[in-house]
Amino acid sequence: MATVIQDVLGYFPGEAHALAASSSLSAAAGYHGEDRVSALPDTLLRNILSRLPAKDAARTASLASRWRHIWRSTPLVLRDADVPRAAVARVLASHPGPFRAVTLARCRFAYHERMLAQWPRLLASKGVDDLVLVNNASDPSADTLPLPADVFRCASLQRLFLGFWTLPDTAGLRRGADVFPLLRELSLFATTITDGDDLDYMLACSPALQTLALIFNQTPDRVHLRSKSLRCVLLWLSMVEEGVVVVDAPLLERLILFDCPAGSGEEEGQVKVKIFCAPKLRVLGYLDPRVHQLQIGDKVIKPNARPSPSTMVPGVKVLALKINLGVSKEVKMMTSFLACFPNVEKLHIESVVADDGPAGQQHPSKVWKEVCRVDCLKSHVKKVLLHQFRGDQGELDFIKFIGRSALQLQALLVVLTPEDYASPDKVNELMRKLRDHSGVPWACKYGFLLVVGPKLPSVWKWNFRKASDLAEDDPFAS
């Protein structure tokens, strides 16, 4: 299961602690073997031990009685990848806690019911700041195990990553803000949430929660965001049949929807994305008119809809859309989406290939002449990135449209596909197309067009980490 998580995210949670723990220091010049470490104060020694793998930290207890005391009073980093399973049990039982970080991802708990019952209970009683708990099932498609209720007694948790579990029925669990009073990050990977009320429970019991990530999930059917602390929500390869509703999230800064399958909106196959209260929302995407049905307040956004103050989210500065630029309905929906976010400064468009054939298409040039001009393009957009450029007519007309409309444009970046970028002949062909079709006067004075290749062959894996990092201004930048 650790491999599946690694493949989907491009990294494994808890590896930052592993990297810190595996770092080594070279001996300083002039060092002759004298014991300088023992002269350090206990506080600094505890800090050093807390950055070592648990097995190495435990060995220091054999040095002297002072080191035994220091080891037992040091918050440890414990990863079951670093020690045998029996050693995990010994460390959890013998160390008084608290634990700085614990990663348990190698155990097939279905065959070790005693460990499943005992380990979360020990962590709850001794305290843990950062917990990665993955059920390493032999068959990922099999029914997942119920998450031990003792996890909900770990009140010291600040970060929690759960993989391949089923959340228990929360109706009988203790409620209140003291369940997870310190929890700041919650990630649920392939974790079954049978009822949307259970997710509501997690949010209500986490008054300090800033980041919520639902990854590779097919449940719950609905995600209702009510939180006074949430700043970042990610739905990553997750299906939410009934949609995502931002009910009341006054601090929410970013809402990331990545490759979420279609659901069941009012129009067949669409997932509802409703925004009621998100005054600080700054980053939003990827919205896809084939997949998402956008609703602002009480109004569903339709093609060529005229904007009004009640259908605008003025705080959004970075917007990402997936559009087939040769399909008339999608182009019109794109302009309707843009009208809802009048202060967008950076616009990402991922060009996608139509799968509905000629029936959904119209002559691209005619479509672009019909679409209305958008206020954010005229007055705010400074940078546009057109991803997955293949040289289609709709893409070329989009570039002309941006050139004619974006008065404040500073840069238009055309990002080639990895396959095209790897072929010099294809690159030259696309450059010729751009030269032949982009020769129109631009509305801006100093903007430029730049053709670039993708930085990574599989950017989306890397972007999960960026998407959840609030220090990153633009999680969609490749």
Protein backbone atom coordinates (compact mmCIF):
# COMPACT_ATOMS: atom_id res chain seq x y z
CA MET A 1 0.00 0.00 0.00
CA ALA A 2 2.92 2.31 0.63
CA THR A 3 3.85 1.83 -3.03
CA VAL A 4 0.33 2.81 -4.16
CA ILE A 5 0.48 5.98 -2.07
CA GLN A 6 3.95 6.73 -3.42
CA ASP A 7 2.72 6.27 -7.01
CA VAL A 8 -0.31 8.53 -6.57
CA LEU A 9 1.33 11.33 -4.61
CA GLY A 10 4.89 11.08 -5.89
CA TYR A 11 6.17 10.85 -2.31
CA PHE A 12 5.26 9.08 0.92
CA PRO A 13 3.92 11.00 3.94
CA GLY A 14 6.41 11.08 6.78
CA GLU A 15 9.43 10.97 4.48
CA ALA A 16 10.47 14.45 5.62
CA HIS A 17 11.14 12.97 9.05
CA ALA A 18 13.01 10.08 7.45
CA LEU A 19 15.22 12.45 5.48
CA ALA A 20 15.98 14.47 8.59
CA ALA A 21 16.69 11.32 10.54
CA SER A 22 19.00 9.86 7.88
CA SER A 23 21.15 12.98 7.57
CA SER A 24 24.74 12.54 8.65
CA LEU A 25 27.38 14.96 9.81
CA SER A 26 31.02 14.75 8.83
CA ALA A 27 33.66 15.05 11.50
CA ALA A 28 34.97 18.58 11.83
CA ALA A 29 38.55 19.36 10.91
CA GLY A 30 40.85 18.91 13.90
CA TYR A 31 38.54 16.45 15.68
CA HIS A 32 40.57 13.77 17.53
CA GLY A 33 37.85 11.57 19.01
CA GLU A 34 37.20 13.33 22.28
CA ASP A 35 33.64 13.18 23.68
CA ARG A 36 32.21 16.61 23.04
CA VAL A 37 28.59 15.46 22.72
CA SER A 38 28.22 14.53 26.38
CA ALA A 39 29.11 18.08 27.34
CA LEU A 40 26.02 19.40 25.60
CA PRO A 41 22.97 20.32 27.70
CA ASP A 42 20.13 17.79 27.95
CA THR A 43 17.75 19.98 25.95
CA LEU A 44 20.06 19.99 22.94
CA LEU A 45 20.77 16.25 23.25
CA ARG A 46 17.04 15.52 23.21
CA ASN A 47 16.72 17.62 20.06
CA ILE A 48 19.48 15.58 18.41
CA LEU A 49 17.99 12.22 19.44
CA SER A 50 14.56 13.22 18.21
CA ARG A 51 16.01 13.49 14.69
CA LEU A 52 17.56 10.01 14.68
CA PRO A 53 15.83 6.82 13.57
CA ALA A 54 14.23 5.20 16.61
CA LYS A 55 16.60 2.21 16.54
CA ASP A 56 19.66 4.50 16.67
CA ALA A 57 18.14 6.70 19.35
CA ALA A 58 17.38 3.62 21.46
CA ARG A 59 20.99 2.42 21.22
CA THR A 60 22.23 5.56 22.95
CA ALA A 61 20.59 4.28 26.16
CA SER A 62 23.44 1.77 26.47
CA LEU A 63 26.10 4.50 26.62
CA ALA A 64 25.48 5.62 30.21
CA SER A 65 22.71 6.16 32.74
CA ARG A 66 22.45 9.80 31.65
CA TRP A 67 21.79 8.76 28.05
CA ARG A 68 19.13 6.28 29.20
CA HIS A 69 17.31 9.16 30.88
CA ILE A 70 17.69 11.35 27.80
CA TRP A 71 16.36 8.67 25.45
CA ARG A 72 13.31 8.06 27.59
CA SER A 73 12.52 11.78 27.79
CA THR A 74 13.01 12.47 24.06
CA PRO A 75 10.03 12.72 21.65
CA LEU A 76 10.99 10.04 19.11
CA VAL A 77 10.57 9.62 15.37
CA LEU A 78 9.40 6.04 14.76
CA ARG A 79 9.01 4.54 11.27
CA ASP A 80 8.24 0.85 10.86
CA ALA A 81 10.29 0.90 7.64
CA ASP A 82 13.41 1.42 9.78
CA VAL A 83 12.91 -1.31 12.40
CA PRO A 84 11.50 -4.87 12.58
CA ARG A 85 7.86 -5.20 13.58
CA ALA A 86 8.82 -6.66 16.97
CA ALA A 87 11.01 -3.61 17.61
CA VAL A 88 8.06 -1.32 16.85
CA ALA A 89 6.06 -3.06 19.54
CA ARG A 90 8.96 -2.79 22.02
CA VAL A 91 9.55 0.91 21.38
CA LEU A 92 5.86 1.75 21.67
CA ALA A 93 5.61 -0.22 24.90
CA SER A 94 8.86 0.87 26.56
CA HIS A 95 9.15 4.54 25.61
CA PRO A 96 7.03 6.78 27.86
CA GLY A 97 6.27 9.21 25.05
CA PRO A 98 5.37 11.56 23.63
CA PHE A 99 6.30 10.67 20.05
CA ARG A 100 7.27 13.38 17.60
CA ALA A 101 6.24 11.35 14.55
CA VAL A 102 5.09 7.77 14.00
CA THR A 103 4.70 6.07 10.61
CA LEU A 104 3.06 2.63 10.60
CA ALA A 105 2.62 1.55 6.99
CA ARG A 106 4.13 -1.94 6.69
CA CYS A 107 1.78 -4.03 8.82
CA ARG A 108 -1.11 -6.05 7.40
CA PHE A 109 -3.39 -5.39 10.30
CA ALA A 110 -5.96 -7.90 9.08
CA TYR A 111 -3.51 -10.61 10.24
CA HIS A 112 -2.37 -8.79 13.38
CA GLU A 113 -5.50 -7.87 15.28
CA ARG A 114 -3.60 -7.59 18.55
CA MET A 115 -1.30 -4.92 17.15
CA LEU A 116 -4.27 -3.11 15.62
CA ALA A 117 -5.90 -2.95 19.03
CA GLN A 118 -2.75 -2.20 21.02
CA TRP A 119 -0.70 0.31 19.01
CA PRO A 120 -3.33 3.08 18.64
CA ARG A 121 -4.15 2.68 22.35
CA LEU A 122 -0.49 3.18 23.29
CA LEU A 123 -0.19 6.22 21.03
CA ALA A 124 -3.34 7.71 22.50
CA SER A 125 -2.08 7.29 26.06
CA LYS A 126 1.48 8.50 25.39
CA GLY A 127 0.85 11.21 22.80
CA VAL A 128 1.92 11.64 19.17
CA ASP A 129 2.22 14.80 17.08
CA ASP A 130 2.40 13.35 13.56
CA LEU A 131 0.78 10.00 12.73
CA VAL A 132 0.80 8.11 9.40
CA LEU A 133 -1.36 4.99 9.76
CA VAL A 134 -1.73 2.81 6.67
CA ASN A 135 -3.39 -0.60 6.50
CA ASN A 136 -1.02 -2.58 4.30
CA ALA A 137 -3.71 -4.90 2.93
CA SER A 138 -2.72 -7.64 0.50
CA ASP A 139 -5.64 -6.72 -1.78
CA PRO A 140 -6.36 -2.96 -2.19
CA SER A 141 -9.78 -3.75 -3.68
CA ALA A 142 -10.89 -5.73 -0.64
CA ASP A 143 -13.06 -4.22 2.07
CA THR A 144 -11.00 -1.98 4.31
CA LEU A 145 -10.72 -2.50 8.04
CA PRO A 146 -12.53 -0.25 10.51
CA LEU A 147 -10.24 2.42 11.90
CA PRO A 148 -9.61 1.79 15.62
CA ALA A 149 -11.64 4.18 17.72
CA ASP A 150 -8.56 4.81 19.89
CA VAL A 151 -7.21 7.02 17.09
CA PHE A 152 -9.91 9.51 18.12
CA ARG A 153 -8.32 9.64 21.57
CA CYS A 154 -5.00 10.99 20.23
CA ALA A 155 -5.70 14.54 21.33
CA SER A 156 -2.09 15.66 20.79
CA LEU A 157 -2.21 15.03 17.02
CA GLN A 158 -1.18 17.89 14.74
CA ARG A 159 -0.99 15.89 11.47
CA LEU A 160 -2.90 12.72 10.62
CA PHE A 161 -2.63 10.62 7.44
CA LEU A 162 -4.93 7.59 7.17
CA GLY A 163 -4.67 5.08 4.31
CA PHE A 164 -6.97 2.17 3.38
CA TRP A 165 -9.36 2.30 6.34
CA THR A 166 -13.09 2.64 6.93
CA LEU A 167 -14.03 5.44 9.30
CA PRO A 168 -16.13 4.10 12.18
CA ASP A 169 -19.67 5.24 12.74
CA THR A 170 -19.05 8.51 14.56
CA ALA A 171 -22.52 8.66 16.09
CA GLY A 172 -21.27 6.90 19.21
CA LEU A 173 -17.94 8.71 19.51
CA ARG A 174 -17.09 11.51 21.89
CA ARG A 175 -17.83 14.93 20.43
CA GLY A 176 -16.47 18.39 20.94
CA ALA A 177 -13.51 20.56 20.05
CA ASP A 178 -11.28 18.65 22.50
CA VAL A 179 -11.20 15.49 20.33
CA PHE A 180 -8.52 16.88 17.99
CA PRO A 181 -7.83 20.34 19.46
CA LEU A 182 -4.40 20.69 17.80
CA LEU A 183 -4.95 18.89 14.48
CA ARG A 184 -3.82 21.07 11.55
CA GLU A 185 -3.59 18.58 8.66
CA LEU A 186 -5.91 15.67 7.88
CA SER A 187 -5.39 13.41 4.84
CA LEU A 188 -7.65 10.46 4.01
CA PHE A 189 -6.26 8.13 1.31
CA ALA A 190 -8.57 5.42 -0.12
CA THR A 191 -10.48 5.64 3.12
CA THR A 192 -14.16 4.74 3.14
CA ILE A 193 -16.46 7.35 4.64
CA THR A 194 -19.89 5.74 4.62
CA ASP A 195 -21.77 8.88 5.60
CA GLY A 196 -21.11 12.55 4.93
CA ASP A 197 -22.01 13.14 8.59
CA ASP A 198 -18.79 11.35 9.56
CA LEU A 199 -16.72 13.90 7.65
CA ASP A 200 -18.79 16.66 9.26
CA TYR A 201 -17.84 15.12 12.61
CA MET A 202 -14.12 15.22 11.77
CA LEU A 203 -14.36 18.90 10.85
CA ALA A 204 -16.40 19.81 13.92
CA CYS A 205 -13.92 18.05 16.22
CA SER A 206 -10.88 19.78 14.69
CA PRO A 207 -11.12 23.49 15.52
CA ALA A 208 -7.52 24.18 14.39
CA LEU A 209 -7.68 22.21 11.11
CA GLN A 210 -6.10 24.09 8.20
CA THR A 211 -5.66 21.44 5.49
CA LEU A 212 -8.09 18.69 4.48
CA ALA A 213 -7.14 16.25 1.70
CA LEU A 214 -9.36 13.51 0.29
CA ILE A 215 -7.19 11.35 -1.95
CA PHE A 216 -8.16 8.37 -4.12
CA ASN A 217 -11.53 8.10 -2.38
CA GLN A 218 -14.93 7.08 -3.69
CA THR A 219 -16.76 8.32 -0.61
CA PRO A 220 -18.42 10.27 0.89
CA ASP A 221 -21.20 11.21 -1.53
CA ARG A 222 -21.06 14.82 -0.37
CA VAL A 223 -18.48 17.14 1.11
CA HIS A 224 -19.92 20.04 3.08
CA LEU A 225 -17.27 22.45 4.29
CA ARG A 226 -18.14 24.15 7.55
CA SER A 227 -15.03 25.27 9.38
CA LYS A 228 -13.77 28.48 10.92
CA SER A 229 -10.14 27.37 10.50
CA LEU A 230 -9.85 25.56 7.12
CA ARG A 231 -7.47 27.21 4.68
CA CYS A 232 -6.86 24.49 2.09
CA VAL A 233 -9.07 21.68 0.74
CA LEU A 234 -7.87 19.14 -1.81
CA LEU A 235 -9.96 16.53 -3.62
CA TRP A 236 -7.37 14.43 -5.40
CA LEU A 237 -8.57 11.66 -7.73
CA SER A 238 -11.69 11.41 -5.56
CA MET A 239 -15.31 10.91 -6.52
CA VAL A 240 -17.93 13.00 -4.75
CA GLU A 241 -21.26 12.06 -6.31
CA GLU A 242 -23.40 14.84 -4.84
CA GLY A 243 -20.73 17.51 -4.95
CA VAL A 244 -18.68 19.90 -2.87
CA VAL A 245 -20.43 22.66 -0.97
CA VAL A 246 -18.49 25.47 0.67
CA VAL A 247 -21.15 26.30 3.25
CA ASP A 248 -19.18 28.43 5.69
CA ALA A 249 -15.39 28.61 5.41
CA PRO A 250 -14.35 32.19 6.19
CA LEU A 251 -10.59 31.43 6.08
CA LEU A 252 -10.55 29.08 3.07
CA GLU A 253 -7.81 30.20 0.66
CA ARG A 254 -7.65 27.37 -1.86
CA LEU A 255 -9.93 24.68 -3.23
CA ILE A 256 -8.16 22.14 -5.43
CA LEU A 257 -10.13 19.64 -7.52
CA PHE A 258 -7.75 17.34 -9.37
CA ASP A 259 -8.99 14.63 -11.76
CA CYS A 260 -12.22 14.09 -9.86
CA PRO A 261 -14.51 11.69 -11.77
CA ALA A 262 -17.93 12.84 -12.91
CA GLY A 263 -20.86 12.50 -10.55
CA SER A 264 -24.60 13.14 -10.70
CA GLY A 265 -25.42 16.82 -10.91
CA GLU A 266 -28.56 18.33 -12.41
CA GLU A 267 -26.95 17.67 -15.76
CA GLU A 268 -26.03 14.01 -16.03
CA GLY A 269 -22.47 13.20 -15.06
CA GLN A 270 -21.64 16.51 -13.39
CA VAL A 271 -20.34 17.17 -9.90
CA LYS A 272 -21.80 20.20 -8.17
CA VAL A 273 -19.36 22.77 -6.86
CA LYS A 274 -21.28 25.25 -4.73
CA ILE A 275 -19.71 28.28 -3.10
CA PHE A 276 -21.76 30.11 -0.50
CA CYS A 277 -19.30 31.62 1.99
CA ALA A 278 -15.57 31.77 1.15
CA PRO A 279 -14.57 35.44 1.35
CA LYS A 280 -10.82 34.67 1.37
CA LEU A 281 -10.81 32.10 -1.44
CA ARG A 282 -7.76 32.93 -3.55
CA VAL A 283 -6.89 29.77 -5.52
CA LEU A 284 -9.42 27.57 -7.35
CA GLY A 285 -9.12 24.78 -9.89
CA TYR A 286 -9.24 22.70 -11.93
CA LEU A 287 -12.82 23.52 -12.92
CA ASP A 288 -13.94 21.45 -15.89
CA PRO A 289 -17.31 22.23 -17.56
CA ARG A 290 -17.66 18.58 -18.62
CA VAL A 291 -17.34 17.44 -15.01
CA HIS A 292 -18.34 20.36 -12.78
CA GLN A 293 -21.52 22.32 -12.38
CA LEU A 294 -20.55 25.61 -10.72
CA GLN A 295 -22.98 27.37 -8.42
CA ILE A 296 -22.30 30.69 -6.69
CA GLY A 297 -24.81 31.36 -3.96
CA ASP A 298 -28.19 30.21 -5.23
CA LYS A 299 -27.42 30.57 -8.93
CA VAL A 300 -26.11 27.83 -11.21
CA ILE A 301 -23.66 29.25 -13.77
CA LYS A 302 -24.76 28.57 -17.35
CA PRO A 303 -23.04 29.21 -20.72
CA ASN A 304 -22.88 32.93 -21.56
CA ALA A 305 -24.48 33.79 -18.19
CA ARG A 306 -24.37 37.49 -17.36
CA PRO A 307 -22.48 38.18 -14.14
CA SER A 308 -23.96 39.96 -11.15
CA PRO A 309 -22.51 40.82 -7.73
CA SER A 310 -24.27 37.79 -6.23
CA THR A 311 -22.49 35.41 -8.65
CA MET A 312 -18.97 36.74 -8.14
CA VAL A 313 -16.14 35.56 -5.89
CA PRO A 314 -13.85 38.60 -5.97
CA GLY A 315 -10.99 37.18 -3.90
CA VAL A 316 -9.84 34.55 -6.42
CA LYS A 317 -6.48 35.52 -7.94
CA VAL A 318 -5.34 32.18 -9.41
CA LEU A 319 -7.81 30.17 -11.49
CA ALA A 320 -7.27 26.89 -13.36
CA LEU A 321 -9.68 25.48 -15.96
CA LYS A 322 -9.75 22.39 -18.16
CA ILE A 323 -11.31 23.29 -21.50
CA ASN A 324 -11.62 21.88 -24.99
CA LEU A 325 -11.03 25.08 -26.91
CA GLY A 326 -12.66 23.75 -30.07
CA VAL A 327 -16.04 23.00 -28.49
CA SER A 328 -18.46 25.90 -28.50
CA LYS A 329 -20.29 25.07 -25.27
CA GLU A 330 -17.05 24.68 -23.34
CA VAL A 331 -15.68 27.97 -24.65
CA LYS A 332 -18.87 29.75 -23.58
CA MET A 333 -18.71 28.07 -20.16
CA MET A 334 -15.11 29.21 -19.84
CA THR A 335 -16.11 32.85 -20.26
CA SER A 336 -18.99 32.35 -17.82
CA PHE A 337 -16.58 30.89 -15.25
CA LEU A 338 -14.18 33.79 -15.77
CA ALA A 339 -16.99 36.28 -15.23
CA CYS A 340 -17.53 34.82 -11.73
CA PHE A 341 -13.97 35.66 -10.72
CA PRO A 342 -13.45 39.28 -11.79
CA ASN A 343 -10.05 39.79 -10.12
CA VAL A 344 -8.12 36.82 -11.49
CA GLU A 345 -4.48 37.72 -12.14
CA LYS A 346 -3.10 34.35 -13.21
CA LEU A 347 -5.09 32.04 -15.47
CA HIS A 348 -4.21 28.41 -16.21
CA ILE A 349 -5.95 26.71 -19.13
CA GLU A 350 -5.32 23.01 -19.66
CA SER A 351 -6.29 22.21 -23.24
CA VAL A 352 -8.08 18.87 -23.47
CA VAL A 353 -9.12 16.77 -26.45
CA ALA A 354 -12.84 16.39 -27.12
CA ASP A 355 -14.40 12.97 -26.80
CA ASP A 356 -17.85 13.96 -28.06
CA GLY A 357 -16.94 14.25 -31.76
CA PRO A 358 -18.19 16.84 -34.25
CA ALA A 359 -21.61 17.13 -32.61
CA GLY A 360 -20.17 19.24 -29.82
CA GLN A 361 -18.05 21.41 -32.08
CA GLN A 362 -18.50 24.57 -34.07
CA HIS A 363 -16.05 26.42 -36.29
CA PRO A 364 -13.57 27.69 -33.65
CA SER A 365 -13.12 31.14 -35.18
CA LYS A 366 -16.86 31.72 -35.14
CA VAL A 367 -17.09 30.64 -31.51
CA TRP A 368 -14.43 33.10 -30.41
CA LYS A 369 -16.11 35.95 -32.25
CA GLU A 370 -19.34 35.21 -30.40
CA VAL A 371 -17.99 34.96 -26.84
CA CYS A 372 -18.33 38.07 -24.75
CA ARG A 373 -15.37 39.97 -23.42
CA VAL A 374 -14.62 39.31 -19.78
CA ASP A 375 -13.89 42.00 -17.20
CA CYS A 376 -11.01 40.14 -15.51
CA LEU A 377 -9.25 39.78 -18.87
CA LYS A 378 -9.62 43.46 -19.63
CA SER A 379 -8.43 44.76 -16.28
CA HIS A 380 -6.63 42.17 -14.13
CA VAL A 381 -5.14 39.12 -15.86
CA LYS A 382 -1.36 39.47 -16.00
CA LYS A 383 -0.26 35.95 -16.83
CA VAL A 384 -1.90 33.19 -18.87
CA LEU A 385 -0.54 29.66 -19.16
CA LEU A 386 -1.92 27.41 -21.89
CA HIS A 387 -0.96 23.84 -20.93
CA GLN A 388 -0.93 20.77 -23.22
CA PHE A 389 -0.71 22.88 -26.38
CA ARG A 390 -0.99 20.76 -29.54
CA GLY A 391 -1.47 23.42 -32.20
CA ASP A 392 -5.22 22.88 -32.69
CA GLN A 393 -7.24 25.66 -34.27
CA GLY A 394 -9.18 26.29 -31.08
CA GLU A 395 -5.94 26.81 -29.16
CA LEU A 396 -4.63 29.24 -31.76
CA ASP A 397 -7.90 31.19 -31.65
CA PHE A 398 -7.70 31.28 -27.85
CA ILE A 399 -4.26 32.87 -28.08
CA LYS A 400 -5.66 35.52 -30.42
CA PHE A 401 -8.59 36.08 -28.06
CA ILE A 402 -6.26 36.62 -25.12
CA GLY A 403 -4.05 38.94 -27.15
CA ARG A 404 -7.02 41.09 -28.15
CA SER A 405 -8.70 41.12 -24.72
CA ALA A 406 -6.08 41.16 -21.94
CA LEU A 407 -5.11 44.79 -21.46
CA GLN A 408 -2.81 44.10 -18.47
CA LEU A 409 -1.19 40.96 -19.87
CA GLN A 410 2.50 40.61 -19.10
CA ALA A 411 3.12 37.04 -20.31
CA LEU A 412 1.36 34.29 -22.23
CA LEU A 413 3.14 30.98 -21.79
CA VAL A 414 2.38 28.17 -24.22
CA VAL A 415 3.35 24.85 -22.60
CA LEU A 416 3.90 21.96 -25.00
CA THR A 417 2.99 18.34 -24.26
CA PRO A 418 5.90 16.11 -23.16
CA GLU A 419 5.57 14.07 -26.38
CA ASP A 420 5.71 17.10 -28.68
CA TYR A 421 8.51 18.71 -26.70
CA ALA A 422 10.62 15.58 -27.17
CA SER A 423 10.39 15.90 -30.98
CA PRO A 424 12.40 18.76 -32.57
CA ASP A 425 10.38 18.43 -35.80
CA LYS A 426 7.11 18.77 -33.90
CA VAL A 427 8.40 21.76 -31.97
CA ASN A 428 9.36 23.49 -35.23
CA GLU A 429 5.94 22.71 -36.71
CA LEU A 430 4.15 24.20 -33.69
CA MET A 431 6.37 27.28 -33.75
CA ARG A 432 5.44 27.83 -37.40
CA LYS A 433 1.76 27.56 -36.57
CA LEU A 434 2.11 30.11 -33.80
CA ARG A 435 3.96 32.54 -36.09
CA ASP A 436 1.33 32.14 -38.81
CA HIS A 437 -1.70 32.56 -36.54
CA SER A 438 -0.69 34.94 -33.77
CA GLY A 439 0.04 37.96 -35.89
CA VAL A 440 -2.71 40.20 -34.50
CA PRO A 441 -2.26 43.46 -32.59
CA TRP A 442 -2.21 42.82 -28.85
CA ALA A 443 -4.27 45.00 -26.52
CA CYS A 444 -1.44 45.18 -23.98
CA LYS A 445 1.70 47.25 -24.53
CA TYR A 446 4.41 45.07 -23.04
CA GLY A 447 3.14 41.49 -23.05
CA PHE A 448 5.08 38.65 -24.65
CA LEU A 449 4.42 35.10 -25.82
CA LEU A 450 6.81 32.35 -24.74
CA VAL A 451 6.80 28.69 -25.80
CA VAL A 452 8.11 26.32 -23.13
CA GLY A 453 8.26 22.63 -22.40
CA PRO A 454 6.89 20.91 -19.29
CA LYS A 455 9.32 20.84 -16.39
CA LEU A 456 8.34 17.33 -15.39
CA PRO A 457 6.95 14.41 -17.41
CA SER A 458 4.32 13.82 -14.72
CA VAL A 459 3.80 17.18 -13.10
CA TRP A 460 0.64 16.26 -11.21
CA LYS A 461 2.50 14.01 -8.75
CA TRP A 462 4.81 16.83 -7.78
CA ASN A 463 1.96 19.30 -7.61
CA PHE A 464 0.15 17.48 -4.78
CA ARG A 465 2.86 18.63 -2.42
CA LYS A 466 2.70 22.14 -3.87
CA ALA A 467 -1.08 22.17 -3.72
CA SER A 468 -1.05 21.50 0.01
CA ASP A 469 1.73 24.00 0.71
CA LEU A 470 0.12 27.32 1.56
CA ALA A 471 3.47 29.04 1.13
CA GLU A 472 3.20 28.34 -2.62
CA ASP A 473 1.38 31.18 -4.34
CA ASP A 474 0.49 29.12 -7.41
CA PRO A 475 0.11 25.33 -6.99
CA PHE A 476 -0.72 24.90 -10.71
CA ALA A 477 2.60 26.27 -11.98
CA SER A 478 4.67 23.54 -13.62
